[in-house]
Amino acid sequence: MTQPIVPRYKLMLFYDLATNNSEAYYQFVMTEMIPVAHEMGLYIFRAFHTIPGTLKDYRPMRQVEYIAEDLQTIQRVLDSETWHELEARLADHVSNYHRKVVKFRQGFQL
């Protein structure tokens, strides 16, 4: 049984889907990225598919959020070779990728 966590930090990934093969993207994310991130101590919180705006207020179409109980867990994950490999594999499917770490709060965050 999974123990509940108290989320204190959020790792936010932002990107556009760049692949014509969305099935390969979904397979990678669902069978590799999310399970490996979970094994490393990150928990998928939510994912958004956004509606594109104008160039002036451009936002990537995907926003994926992982949560952790402490900042050290996120730092350990981001510094790991495993995470670097996951990001490299994700880059095969996406463009305009960037990430940031923020303190957790409920509601939509940018």
PDB file of N, CA and C in Angstrom:
ATOM      1  N   MET A   1       0.842  -1.180   0.000  1.00  0.00           N
ATOM      2  CA  MET A   1       0.000   0.000   0.000  1.00  0.00           C
ATOM      3  C   MET A   1       0.890   1.247   0.000  1.00  0.00           C
ATOM      4  N   THR A   2       0.549   2.208  -0.798  1.00  0.00           N
ATOM      5  CA  THR A   2       1.314   3.445  -0.884  1.00  0.00           C
ATOM      6  C   THR A   2       0.975   4.348   0.300  1.00  0.00           C
ATOM      7  N   GLN A   3       2.009   4.878   0.921  1.00  0.00           N
ATOM      8  CA  GLN A   3       1.824   5.809   2.029  1.00  0.00           C
ATOM      9  C   GLN A   3       1.576   7.211   1.472  1.00  0.00           C
ATOM     10  N   PRO A   4       0.653   7.959   2.062  1.00  0.00           N
ATOM     11  CA  PRO A   4       0.455   9.337   1.612  1.00  0.00           C
ATOM     12  C   PRO A   4       1.687  10.180   1.941  1.00  0.00           C
ATOM     13  N   ILE A   5       1.935  11.165   1.119  1.00  0.00           N
ATOM     14  CA  ILE A   5       3.051  12.074   1.368  1.00  0.00           C
ATOM     15  C   ILE A   5       2.510  13.469   1.644  1.00  0.00           C
ATOM     16  N   VAL A   6       3.356  14.294   2.214  1.00  0.00           N
ATOM     17  CA  VAL A   6       3.031  15.702   2.416  1.00  0.00           C
ATOM     18  C   VAL A   6       3.868  16.478   1.406  1.00  0.00           C
ATOM     19  N   PRO A   7       3.262  16.902   0.289  1.00  0.00           N
ATOM     20  CA  PRO A   7       4.050  17.584  -0.737  1.00  0.00           C
ATOM     21  C   PRO A   7       4.508  18.958  -0.272  1.00  0.00           C
ATOM     22  N   ARG A   8       5.801  19.215  -0.469  1.00  0.00           N
ATOM     23  CA  ARG A   8       6.348  20.522  -0.098  1.00  0.00           C
ATOM     24  C   ARG A   8       6.994  21.230  -1.287  1.00  0.00           C
ATOM     25  N   TYR A   9       7.398  20.437  -2.296  1.00  0.00           N
ATOM     26  CA  TYR A   9       8.034  21.009  -3.485  1.00  0.00           C
ATOM     27  C   TYR A   9       7.468  20.357  -4.727  1.00  0.00           C
ATOM     28  N   LYS A  10       7.554  21.101  -5.814  1.00  0.00           N
ATOM     29  CA  LYS A  10       7.014  20.644  -7.083  1.00  0.00           C
ATOM     30  C   LYS A  10       8.074  20.827  -8.163  1.00  0.00           C
ATOM     31  N   LEU A  11       8.291  19.781  -8.949  1.00  0.00           N
ATOM     32  CA  LEU A  11       9.125  19.853 -10.147  1.00  0.00           C
ATOM     33  C   LEU A  11       8.179  19.993 -11.322  1.00  0.00           C
ATOM     34  N   MET A  12       8.303  21.097 -12.042  1.00  0.00           N
ATOM     35  CA  MET A  12       7.405  21.391 -13.152  1.00  0.00           C
ATOM     36  C   MET A  12       8.163  21.274 -14.468  1.00  0.00           C
ATOM     37  N   LEU A  13       7.610  20.488 -15.392  1.00  0.00           N
ATOM     38  CA  LEU A  13       8.175  20.325 -16.730  1.00  0.00           C
ATOM     39  C   LEU A  13       7.232  20.995 -17.715  1.00  0.00           C
ATOM     40  N   PHE A  14       7.807  21.743 -18.650  1.00  0.00           N
ATOM     41  CA  PHE A  14       7.028  22.447 -19.668  1.00  0.00           C
ATOM     42  C   PHE A  14       7.585  22.065 -21.033  1.00  0.00           C
ATOM     43  N   TYR A  15       6.710  21.774 -21.990  1.00  0.00           N
ATOM     44  CA  TYR A  15       7.193  21.436 -23.333  1.00  0.00           C
ATOM     45  C   TYR A  15       6.044  21.383 -24.333  1.00  0.00           C
ATOM     46  N   ASP A  16       6.441  21.370 -25.600  1.00  0.00           N
ATOM     47  CA  ASP A  16       5.517  21.138 -26.704  1.00  0.00           C
ATOM     48  C   ASP A  16       5.769  19.737 -27.230  1.00  0.00           C
ATOM     49  N   LEU A  17       4.731  19.071 -27.674  1.00  0.00           N
ATOM     50  CA  LEU A  17       4.917  17.779 -28.328  1.00  0.00           C
ATOM     51  C   LEU A  17       5.497  18.037 -29.711  1.00  0.00           C
ATOM     52  N   ALA A  18       6.597  17.361 -30.012  1.00  0.00           N
ATOM     53  CA  ALA A  18       7.278  17.606 -31.282  1.00  0.00           C
ATOM     54  C   ALA A  18       7.208  16.403 -32.205  1.00  0.00           C
ATOM     55  N   THR A  19       6.694  15.332 -31.728  1.00  0.00           N
ATOM     56  CA  THR A  19       6.702  14.107 -32.509  1.00  0.00           C
ATOM     57  C   THR A  19       5.391  13.925 -33.260  1.00  0.00           C
ATOM     58  N   ASN A  20       5.495  13.313 -34.413  1.00  0.00           N
ATOM     59  CA  ASN A  20       4.289  12.941 -35.144  1.00  0.00           C
ATOM     60  C   ASN A  20       3.725  11.638 -34.599  1.00  0.00           C
ATOM     61  N   ASN A  21       4.530  10.955 -33.789  1.00  0.00           N
ATOM     62  CA  ASN A  21       4.119   9.681 -33.226  1.00  0.00           C
ATOM     63  C   ASN A  21       3.773   9.868 -31.753  1.00  0.00           C
ATOM     64  N   SER A  22       2.572  10.352 -31.499  1.00  0.00           N
ATOM     65  CA  SER A  22       2.184  10.602 -30.113  1.00  0.00           C
ATOM     66  C   SER A  22       2.095   9.304 -29.321  1.00  0.00           C
ATOM     67  N   GLU A  23       1.845   8.183 -29.991  1.00  0.00           N
ATOM     68  CA  GLU A  23       1.793   6.897 -29.291  1.00  0.00           C
ATOM     69  C   GLU A  23       3.146   6.567 -28.660  1.00  0.00           C
ATOM     70  N   ALA A  24       4.243   6.828 -29.379  1.00  0.00           N
ATOM     71  CA  ALA A  24       5.587   6.578 -28.829  1.00  0.00           C
ATOM     72  C   ALA A  24       5.842   7.480 -27.622  1.00  0.00           C
ATOM     73  N   TYR A  25       5.400   8.724 -27.706  1.00  0.00           N
ATOM     74  CA  TYR A  25       5.534   9.652 -26.575  1.00  0.00           C
ATOM     75  C   TYR A  25       4.787   9.112 -25.354  1.00  0.00           C
ATOM     76  N   TYR A  26       3.513   8.765 -25.540  1.00  0.00           N
ATOM     77  CA  TYR A  26       2.716   8.270 -24.415  1.00  0.00           C
ATOM     78  C   TYR A  26       3.292   6.981 -23.837  1.00  0.00           C
ATOM     79  N   GLN A  27       3.751   6.079 -24.692  1.00  0.00           N
ATOM     80  CA  GLN A  27       4.364   4.840 -24.212  1.00  0.00           C
ATOM     81  C   GLN A  27       5.576   5.142 -23.347  1.00  0.00           C
ATOM     82  N   PHE A  28       6.436   6.039 -23.810  1.00  0.00           N
ATOM     83  CA  PHE A  28       7.628   6.396 -23.047  1.00  0.00           C
ATOM     84  C   PHE A  28       7.256   7.004 -21.698  1.00  0.00           C
ATOM     85  N   VAL A  29       6.369   7.982 -21.715  1.00  0.00           N
ATOM     86  CA  VAL A  29       6.004   8.673 -20.470  1.00  0.00           C
ATOM     87  C   VAL A  29       5.331   7.720 -19.486  1.00  0.00           C
ATOM     88  N   MET A  30       4.385   6.932 -19.963  1.00  0.00           N
ATOM     89  CA  MET A  30       3.602   6.080 -19.062  1.00  0.00           C
ATOM     90  C   MET A  30       4.361   4.847 -18.579  1.00  0.00           C
ATOM     91  N   THR A  31       5.219   4.277 -19.417  1.00  0.00           N
ATOM     92  CA  THR A  31       5.881   3.026 -19.028  1.00  0.00           C
ATOM     93  C   THR A  31       7.305   3.217 -18.535  1.00  0.00           C
ATOM     94  N   GLU A  32       7.885   4.404 -18.778  1.00  0.00           N
ATOM     95  CA  GLU A  32       9.261   4.627 -18.340  1.00  0.00           C
ATOM     96  C   GLU A  32       9.407   5.856 -17.444  1.00  0.00           C
ATOM     97  N   MET A  33       9.064   7.020 -17.960  1.00  0.00           N
ATOM     98  CA  MET A  33       9.366   8.251 -17.228  1.00  0.00           C
ATOM     99  C   MET A  33       8.644   8.317 -15.873  1.00  0.00           C
ATOM    100  N   ILE A  34       7.347   8.123 -15.863  1.00  0.00           N
ATOM    101  CA  ILE A  34       6.596   8.217 -14.606  1.00  0.00           C
ATOM    102  C   ILE A  34       7.019   7.129 -13.615  1.00  0.00           C
ATOM    103  N   PRO A  35       7.106   5.849 -14.026  1.00  0.00           N
ATOM    104  CA  PRO A  35       7.528   4.827 -13.049  1.00  0.00           C
ATOM    105  C   PRO A  35       8.944   5.041 -12.506  1.00  0.00           C
ATOM    106  N   VAL A  36       9.882   5.443 -13.357  1.00  0.00           N
ATOM    107  CA  VAL A  36      11.256   5.662 -12.888  1.00  0.00           C
ATOM    108  C   VAL A  36      11.309   6.863 -11.949  1.00  0.00           C
ATOM    109  N   ALA A  37      10.606   7.938 -12.293  1.00  0.00           N
ATOM    110  CA  ALA A  37      10.557   9.105 -11.405  1.00  0.00           C
ATOM    111  C   ALA A  37       9.984   8.701 -10.046  1.00  0.00           C
ATOM    112  N   HIS A  38       8.962   7.866 -10.055  1.00  0.00           N
ATOM    113  CA  HIS A  38       8.359   7.398  -8.802  1.00  0.00           C
ATOM    114  C   HIS A  38       9.362   6.594  -7.977  1.00  0.00           C
ATOM    115  N   GLU A  39      10.105   5.714  -8.633  1.00  0.00           N
ATOM    116  CA  GLU A  39      11.128   4.932  -7.931  1.00  0.00           C
ATOM    117  C   GLU A  39      12.184   5.833  -7.292  1.00  0.00           C
ATOM    118  N   MET A  40      12.406   7.004  -7.896  1.00  0.00           N
ATOM    119  CA  MET A  40      13.417   7.931  -7.393  1.00  0.00           C
ATOM    120  C   MET A  40      12.862   8.876  -6.322  1.00  0.00           C
ATOM    121  N   GLY A  41      11.564   8.801  -6.047  1.00  0.00           N
ATOM    122  CA  GLY A  41      10.986   9.613  -4.982  1.00  0.00           C
ATOM    123  C   GLY A  41      10.107  10.759  -5.434  1.00  0.00           C
ATOM    124  N   LEU A  42       9.830  10.849  -6.745  1.00  0.00           N
ATOM    125  CA  LEU A  42       8.923  11.878  -7.255  1.00  0.00           C
ATOM    126  C   LEU A  42       7.573  11.238  -7.550  1.00  0.00           C
ATOM    127  N   TYR A  43       6.526  11.984  -7.308  1.00  0.00           N
ATOM    128  CA  TYR A  43       5.179  11.477  -7.532  1.00  0.00           C
ATOM    129  C   TYR A  43       4.488  12.368  -8.553  1.00  0.00           C
ATOM    130  N   ILE A  44       3.929  11.737  -9.590  1.00  0.00           N
ATOM    131  CA  ILE A  44       3.208  12.520 -10.590  1.00  0.00           C
ATOM    132  C   ILE A  44       2.008  13.152  -9.879  1.00  0.00           C
ATOM    133  N   PHE A  45       1.848  14.438 -10.074  1.00  0.00           N
ATOM    134  CA  PHE A  45       0.766  15.159  -9.412  1.00  0.00           C
ATOM    135  C   PHE A  45      -0.353  15.442 -10.402  1.00  0.00           C
ATOM    136  N   ARG A  46       0.009  16.075 -11.504  1.00  0.00           N
ATOM    137  CA  ARG A  46      -0.976  16.343 -12.550  1.00  0.00           C
ATOM    138  C   ARG A  46      -0.267  16.784 -13.814  1.00  0.00           C
ATOM    139  N   ALA A  47      -1.029  16.755 -14.899  1.00  0.00           N
ATOM    140  CA  ALA A  47      -0.511  17.196 -16.192  1.00  0.00           C
ATOM    141  C   ALA A  47      -1.602  18.019 -16.872  1.00  0.00           C
ATOM    142  N   PHE A  48      -1.168  19.070 -17.521  1.00  0.00           N
ATOM    143  CA  PHE A  48      -2.095  19.950 -18.226  1.00  0.00           C
ATOM    144  C   PHE A  48      -1.747  19.968 -19.707  1.00  0.00           C
ATOM    145  N   HIS A  49      -2.764  20.006 -20.530  1.00  0.00           N
ATOM    146  CA  HIS A  49      -2.597  20.282 -21.950  1.00  0.00           C
ATOM    147  C   HIS A  49      -3.214  21.657 -22.152  1.00  0.00           C
ATOM    148  N   THR A  50      -2.383  22.630 -22.485  1.00  0.00           N
ATOM    149  CA  THR A  50      -2.859  24.012 -22.527  1.00  0.00           C
ATOM    150  C   THR A  50      -3.270  24.422 -23.934  1.00  0.00           C
ATOM    151  N   ILE A  51      -4.065  25.443 -24.006  1.00  0.00           N
ATOM    152  CA  ILE A  51      -4.494  26.002 -25.283  1.00  0.00           C
ATOM    153  C   ILE A  51      -3.505  27.083 -25.668  1.00  0.00           C
ATOM    154  N   PRO A  52      -2.937  26.999 -26.877  1.00  0.00           N
ATOM    155  CA  PRO A  52      -1.944  28.000 -27.265  1.00  0.00           C
ATOM    156  C   PRO A  52      -2.542  29.402 -27.333  1.00  0.00           C
ATOM    157  N   GLY A  53      -1.736  30.368 -26.933  1.00  0.00           N
ATOM    158  CA  GLY A  53      -2.135  31.768 -27.027  1.00  0.00           C
ATOM    159  C   GLY A  53      -1.429  32.420 -28.209  1.00  0.00           C
ATOM    160  N   THR A  54      -1.270  33.711 -28.133  1.00  0.00           N
ATOM    161  CA  THR A  54      -0.545  34.427 -29.169  1.00  0.00           C
ATOM    162  C   THR A  54       0.946  34.310 -28.899  1.00  0.00           C
ATOM    163  N   LEU A  55       1.763  34.724 -29.842  1.00  0.00           N
ATOM    164  CA  LEU A  55       3.209  34.681 -29.643  1.00  0.00           C
ATOM    165  C   LEU A  55       3.629  35.519 -28.444  1.00  0.00           C
ATOM    166  N   LYS A  56       2.909  36.595 -28.211  1.00  0.00           N
ATOM    167  CA  LYS A  56       3.244  37.482 -27.099  1.00  0.00           C
ATOM    168  C   LYS A  56       3.118  36.771 -25.746  1.00  0.00           C
ATOM    169  N   ASP A  57       2.109  35.932 -25.613  1.00  0.00           N
ATOM    170  CA  ASP A  57       1.902  35.234 -24.339  1.00  0.00           C
ATOM    171  C   ASP A  57       2.047  33.721 -24.497  1.00  0.00           C
ATOM    172  N   TYR A  58       3.014  33.315 -25.301  1.00  0.00           N
ATOM    173  CA  TYR A  58       3.234  31.898 -25.590  1.00  0.00           C
ATOM    174  C   TYR A  58       3.500  31.087 -24.325  1.00  0.00           C
ATOM    175  N   ARG A  59       2.871  29.948 -24.229  1.00  0.00           N
ATOM    176  CA  ARG A  59       3.110  28.954 -23.179  1.00  0.00           C
ATOM    177  C   ARG A  59       3.225  27.592 -23.858  1.00  0.00           C
ATOM    178  N   PRO A  60       4.140  26.744 -23.404  1.00  0.00           N
ATOM    179  CA  PRO A  60       4.210  25.393 -23.970  1.00  0.00           C
ATOM    180  C   PRO A  60       2.884  24.653 -23.777  1.00  0.00           C
ATOM    181  N   MET A  61       2.610  23.712 -24.675  1.00  0.00           N
ATOM    182  CA  MET A  61       1.321  23.031 -24.633  1.00  0.00           C
ATOM    183  C   MET A  61       1.192  22.030 -23.489  1.00  0.00           C
ATOM    184  N   ARG A  62       2.303  21.544 -22.958  1.00  0.00           N
ATOM    185  CA  ARG A  62       2.243  20.584 -21.851  1.00  0.00           C
ATOM    186  C   ARG A  62       2.876  21.160 -20.605  1.00  0.00           C
ATOM    187  N   GLN A  63       2.236  20.909 -19.490  1.00  0.00           N
ATOM    188  CA  GLN A  63       2.795  21.233 -18.177  1.00  0.00           C
ATOM    189  C   GLN A  63       2.578  19.995 -17.313  1.00  0.00           C
ATOM    190  N   VAL A  64       3.675  19.381 -16.894  1.00  0.00           N
ATOM    191  CA  VAL A  64       3.623  18.159 -16.087  1.00  0.00           C
ATOM    192  C   VAL A  64       4.241  18.469 -14.732  1.00  0.00           C
ATOM    193  N   GLU A  65       3.580  18.029 -13.674  1.00  0.00           N
ATOM    194  CA  GLU A  65       4.034  18.359 -12.324  1.00  0.00           C
ATOM    195  C   GLU A  65       4.270  17.093 -11.503  1.00  0.00           C
ATOM    196  N   TYR A  66       5.454  17.034 -10.914  1.00  0.00           N
ATOM    197  CA  TYR A  66       5.809  15.988  -9.960  1.00  0.00           C
ATOM    198  C   TYR A  66       5.950  16.650  -8.600  1.00  0.00           C
ATOM    199  N   ILE A  67       5.628  15.922  -7.543  1.00  0.00           N
ATOM    200  CA  ILE A  67       5.765  16.466  -6.197  1.00  0.00           C
ATOM    201  C   ILE A  67       6.712  15.606  -5.370  1.00  0.00           C
ATOM    202  N   ALA A  68       7.290  16.240  -4.346  1.00  0.00           N
ATOM    203  CA  ALA A  68       8.178  15.549  -3.408  1.00  0.00           C
ATOM    204  C   ALA A  68       8.014  16.191  -2.039  1.00  0.00           C
ATOM    205  N   GLU A  69       8.403  15.436  -1.021  1.00  0.00           N
ATOM    206  CA  GLU A  69       8.293  15.950   0.345  1.00  0.00           C
ATOM    207  C   GLU A  69       9.405  16.919   0.695  1.00  0.00           C
ATOM    208  N   ASP A  70      10.539  16.814  -0.001  1.00  0.00           N
ATOM    209  CA  ASP A  70      11.647  17.708   0.341  1.00  0.00           C
ATOM    210  C   ASP A  70      12.440  18.085  -0.904  1.00  0.00           C
ATOM    211  N   LEU A  71      13.129  19.198  -0.787  1.00  0.00           N
ATOM    212  CA  LEU A  71      13.923  19.723  -1.892  1.00  0.00           C
ATOM    213  C   LEU A  71      15.101  18.813  -2.215  1.00  0.00           C
ATOM    214  N   GLN A  72      15.657  18.148  -1.208  1.00  0.00           N
ATOM    215  CA  GLN A  72      16.804  17.263  -1.426  1.00  0.00           C
ATOM    216  C   GLN A  72      16.448  16.122  -2.372  1.00  0.00           C
ATOM    217  N   THR A  73      15.236  15.606  -2.285  1.00  0.00           N
ATOM    218  CA  THR A  73      14.815  14.537  -3.194  1.00  0.00           C
ATOM    219  C   THR A  73      14.832  15.033  -4.629  1.00  0.00           C
ATOM    220  N   ILE A  74      14.279  16.203  -4.858  1.00  0.00           N
ATOM    221  CA  ILE A  74      14.256  16.748  -6.220  1.00  0.00           C
ATOM    222  C   ILE A  74      15.675  17.002  -6.710  1.00  0.00           C
ATOM    223  N   GLN A  75      16.532  17.570  -5.874  1.00  0.00           N
ATOM    224  CA  GLN A  75      17.922  17.834  -6.278  1.00  0.00           C
ATOM    225  C   GLN A  75      18.655  16.545  -6.613  1.00  0.00           C
ATOM    226  N   ARG A  76      18.446  15.516  -5.788  1.00  0.00           N
ATOM    227  CA  ARG A  76      19.091  14.224  -6.030  1.00  0.00           C
ATOM    228  C   ARG A  76      18.634  13.648  -7.371  1.00  0.00           C
ATOM    229  N   VAL A  77      17.348  13.747  -7.655  1.00  0.00           N
ATOM    230  CA  VAL A  77      16.815  13.255  -8.927  1.00  0.00           C
ATOM    231  C   VAL A  77      17.414  14.040 -10.088  1.00  0.00           C
ATOM    232  N   LEU A  78      17.383  15.370 -10.004  1.00  0.00           N
ATOM    233  CA  LEU A  78      17.879  16.201 -11.108  1.00  0.00           C
ATOM    234  C   LEU A  78      19.371  16.018 -11.351  1.00  0.00           C
ATOM    235  N   ASP A  79      20.121  15.676 -10.323  1.00  0.00           N
ATOM    236  CA  ASP A  79      21.564  15.470 -10.458  1.00  0.00           C
ATOM    237  C   ASP A  79      21.928  14.061 -10.919  1.00  0.00           C
ATOM    238  N   SER A  80      20.960  13.173 -10.988  1.00  0.00           N
ATOM    239  CA  SER A  80      21.250  11.770 -11.287  1.00  0.00           C
ATOM    240  C   SER A  80      21.421  11.519 -12.789  1.00  0.00           C
ATOM    241  N   GLU A  81      22.245  10.542 -13.091  1.00  0.00           N
ATOM    242  CA  GLU A  81      22.437  10.114 -14.481  1.00  0.00           C
ATOM    243  C   GLU A  81      21.134   9.555 -15.050  1.00  0.00           C
ATOM    244  N   THR A  82      20.369   8.883 -14.223  1.00  0.00           N
ATOM    245  CA  THR A  82      19.088   8.319 -14.669  1.00  0.00           C
ATOM    246  C   THR A  82      18.153   9.417 -15.163  1.00  0.00           C
ATOM    247  N   TRP A  83      18.062  10.520 -14.419  1.00  0.00           N
ATOM    248  CA  TRP A  83      17.183  11.619 -14.839  1.00  0.00           C
ATOM    249  C   TRP A  83      17.706  12.257 -16.127  1.00  0.00           C
ATOM    250  N   HIS A  84      19.007  12.410 -16.246  1.00  0.00           N
ATOM    251  CA  HIS A  84      19.581  12.973 -17.475  1.00  0.00           C
ATOM    252  C   HIS A  84      19.226  12.099 -18.675  1.00  0.00           C
ATOM    253  N   GLU A  85      19.257  10.789 -18.484  1.00  0.00           N
ATOM    254  CA  GLU A  85      18.883   9.872 -19.563  1.00  0.00           C
ATOM    255  C   GLU A  85      17.399   9.998 -19.899  1.00  0.00           C
ATOM    256  N   LEU A  86      16.552  10.124 -18.883  1.00  0.00           N
ATOM    257  CA  LEU A  86      15.120  10.315 -19.134  1.00  0.00           C
ATOM    258  C   LEU A  86      14.862  11.605 -19.900  1.00  0.00           C
ATOM    259  N   GLU A  87      15.527  12.683 -19.500  1.00  0.00           N
ATOM    260  CA  GLU A  87      15.348  13.956 -20.216  1.00  0.00           C
ATOM    261  C   GLU A  87      15.825  13.849 -21.661  1.00  0.00           C
ATOM    262  N   ALA A  88      16.921  13.134 -21.882  1.00  0.00           N
ATOM    263  CA  ALA A  88      17.423  12.952 -23.250  1.00  0.00           C
ATOM    264  C   ALA A  88      16.420  12.159 -24.085  1.00  0.00           C
ATOM    265  N   ARG A  89      15.827  11.143 -23.499  1.00  0.00           N
ATOM    266  CA  ARG A  89      14.817  10.356 -24.209  1.00  0.00           C
ATOM    267  C   ARG A  89      13.554  11.183 -24.451  1.00  0.00           C
ATOM    268  N   LEU A  90      13.170  11.988 -23.469  1.00  0.00           N
ATOM    269  CA  LEU A  90      12.007  12.854 -23.637  1.00  0.00           C
ATOM    270  C   LEU A  90      12.235  13.829 -24.785  1.00  0.00           C
ATOM    271  N   ALA A  91      13.468  14.298 -24.928  1.00  0.00           N
ATOM    272  CA  ALA A  91      13.806  15.260 -25.988  1.00  0.00           C
ATOM    273  C   ALA A  91      13.553  14.698 -27.387  1.00  0.00           C
ATOM    274  N   ASP A  92      13.499  13.376 -27.514  1.00  0.00           N
ATOM    275  CA  ASP A  92      13.161  12.767 -28.807  1.00  0.00           C
ATOM    276  C   ASP A  92      11.710  13.023 -29.190  1.00  0.00           C
ATOM    277  N   HIS A  93      10.893  13.382 -28.225  1.00  0.00           N
ATOM    278  CA  HIS A  93       9.453  13.525 -28.448  1.00  0.00           C
ATOM    279  C   HIS A  93       8.931  14.944 -28.276  1.00  0.00           C
ATOM    280  N   VAL A  94       9.753  15.845 -27.719  1.00  0.00           N
ATOM    281  CA  VAL A  94       9.251  17.177 -27.381  1.00  0.00           C
ATOM    282  C   VAL A  94      10.210  18.273 -27.847  1.00  0.00           C
ATOM    283  N   SER A  95       9.720  19.502 -27.834  1.00  0.00           N
ATOM    284  CA  SER A  95      10.552  20.684 -28.101  1.00  0.00           C
ATOM    285  C   SER A  95      10.212  21.739 -27.053  1.00  0.00           C
ATOM    286  N   ASN A  96      11.005  22.793 -27.034  1.00  0.00           N
ATOM    287  CA  ASN A  96      10.790  23.910 -26.099  1.00  0.00           C
ATOM    288  C   ASN A  96      10.708  23.437 -24.643  1.00  0.00           C
ATOM    289  N   TYR A  97      11.547  22.482 -24.304  1.00  0.00           N
ATOM    290  CA  TYR A  97      11.530  21.895 -22.956  1.00  0.00           C
ATOM    291  C   TYR A  97      12.250  22.796 -21.960  1.00  0.00           C
ATOM    292  N   HIS A  98      11.630  22.986 -20.820  1.00  0.00           N
ATOM    293  CA  HIS A  98      12.322  23.576 -19.678  1.00  0.00           C
ATOM    294  C   HIS A  98      11.631  23.092 -18.408  1.00  0.00           C
ATOM    295  N   ARG A  99      12.311  23.271 -17.310  1.00  0.00           N
ATOM    296  CA  ARG A  99      11.784  22.809 -16.030  1.00  0.00           C
ATOM    297  C   ARG A  99      12.106  23.819 -14.952  1.00  0.00           C
ATOM    298  N   LYS A 100      11.351  23.732 -13.866  1.00  0.00           N
ATOM    299  CA  LYS A 100      11.662  24.560 -12.707  1.00  0.00           C
ATOM    300  C   LYS A 100      11.120  23.883 -11.459  1.00  0.00           C
ATOM    301  N   VAL A 101      11.693  24.269 -10.333  1.00  0.00           N
ATOM    302  CA  VAL A 101      11.291  23.748  -9.030  1.00  0.00           C
ATOM    303  C   VAL A 101      10.678  24.897  -8.244  1.00  0.00           C
ATOM    304  N   VAL A 102       9.525  24.644  -7.660  1.00  0.00           N
ATOM    305  CA  VAL A 102       8.833  25.662  -6.867  1.00  0.00           C
ATOM    306  C   VAL A 102       8.339  25.034  -5.570  1.00  0.00           C
ATOM    307  N   LYS A 103       8.058  25.877  -4.596  1.00  0.00           N
ATOM    308  CA  LYS A 103       7.395  25.392  -3.387  1.00  0.00           C
ATOM    309  C   LYS A 103       5.977  24.985  -3.764  1.00  0.00           C
ATOM    310  N   PHE A 104       5.526  23.910  -3.183  1.00  0.00           N
ATOM    311  CA  PHE A 104       4.201  23.388  -3.488  1.00  0.00           C
ATOM    312  C   PHE A 104       3.114  24.313  -2.966  1.00  0.00           C
ATOM    313  N   ARG A 105       2.118  24.495  -3.788  1.00  0.00           N
ATOM    314  CA  ARG A 105       0.862  25.088  -3.339  1.00  0.00           C
ATOM    315  C   ARG A 105      -0.230  24.539  -4.237  1.00  0.00           C
ATOM    316  N   GLN A 106      -1.424  24.467  -3.700  1.00  0.00           N
ATOM    317  CA  GLN A 106      -2.552  23.981  -4.490  1.00  0.00           C
ATOM    318  C   GLN A 106      -2.879  25.003  -5.568  1.00  0.00           C
ATOM    319  N   GLY A 107      -3.550  24.562  -6.587  1.00  0.00           N
ATOM    320  CA  GLY A 107      -3.934  25.448  -7.667  1.00  0.00           C
ATOM    321  C   GLY A 107      -2.908  25.449  -8.778  1.00  0.00           C
ATOM    322  N   PHE A 108      -3.258  26.102  -9.841  1.00  0.00           N
ATOM    323  CA  PHE A 108      -2.408  26.167 -11.022  1.00  0.00           C
ATOM    324  C   PHE A 108      -1.229  27.096 -10.751  1.00  0.00           C
ATOM    325  N   GLN A 109      -0.019  26.630 -11.060  1.00  0.00           N
ATOM    326  CA  GLN A 109       1.190  27.443 -10.897  1.00  0.00           C
ATOM    327  C   GLN A 109       1.928  27.497 -12.222  1.00  0.00           C
ATOM    328  N   LEU A 110       2.583  28.611 -12.478  1.00  0.00           N
ATOM    329  CA  LEU A 110       3.456  28.736 -13.654  1.00  0.00           C
ATOM    330  C   LEU A 110       4.886  28.853 -13.206  1.00  0.00           C
TER     331      LEU A 110
END
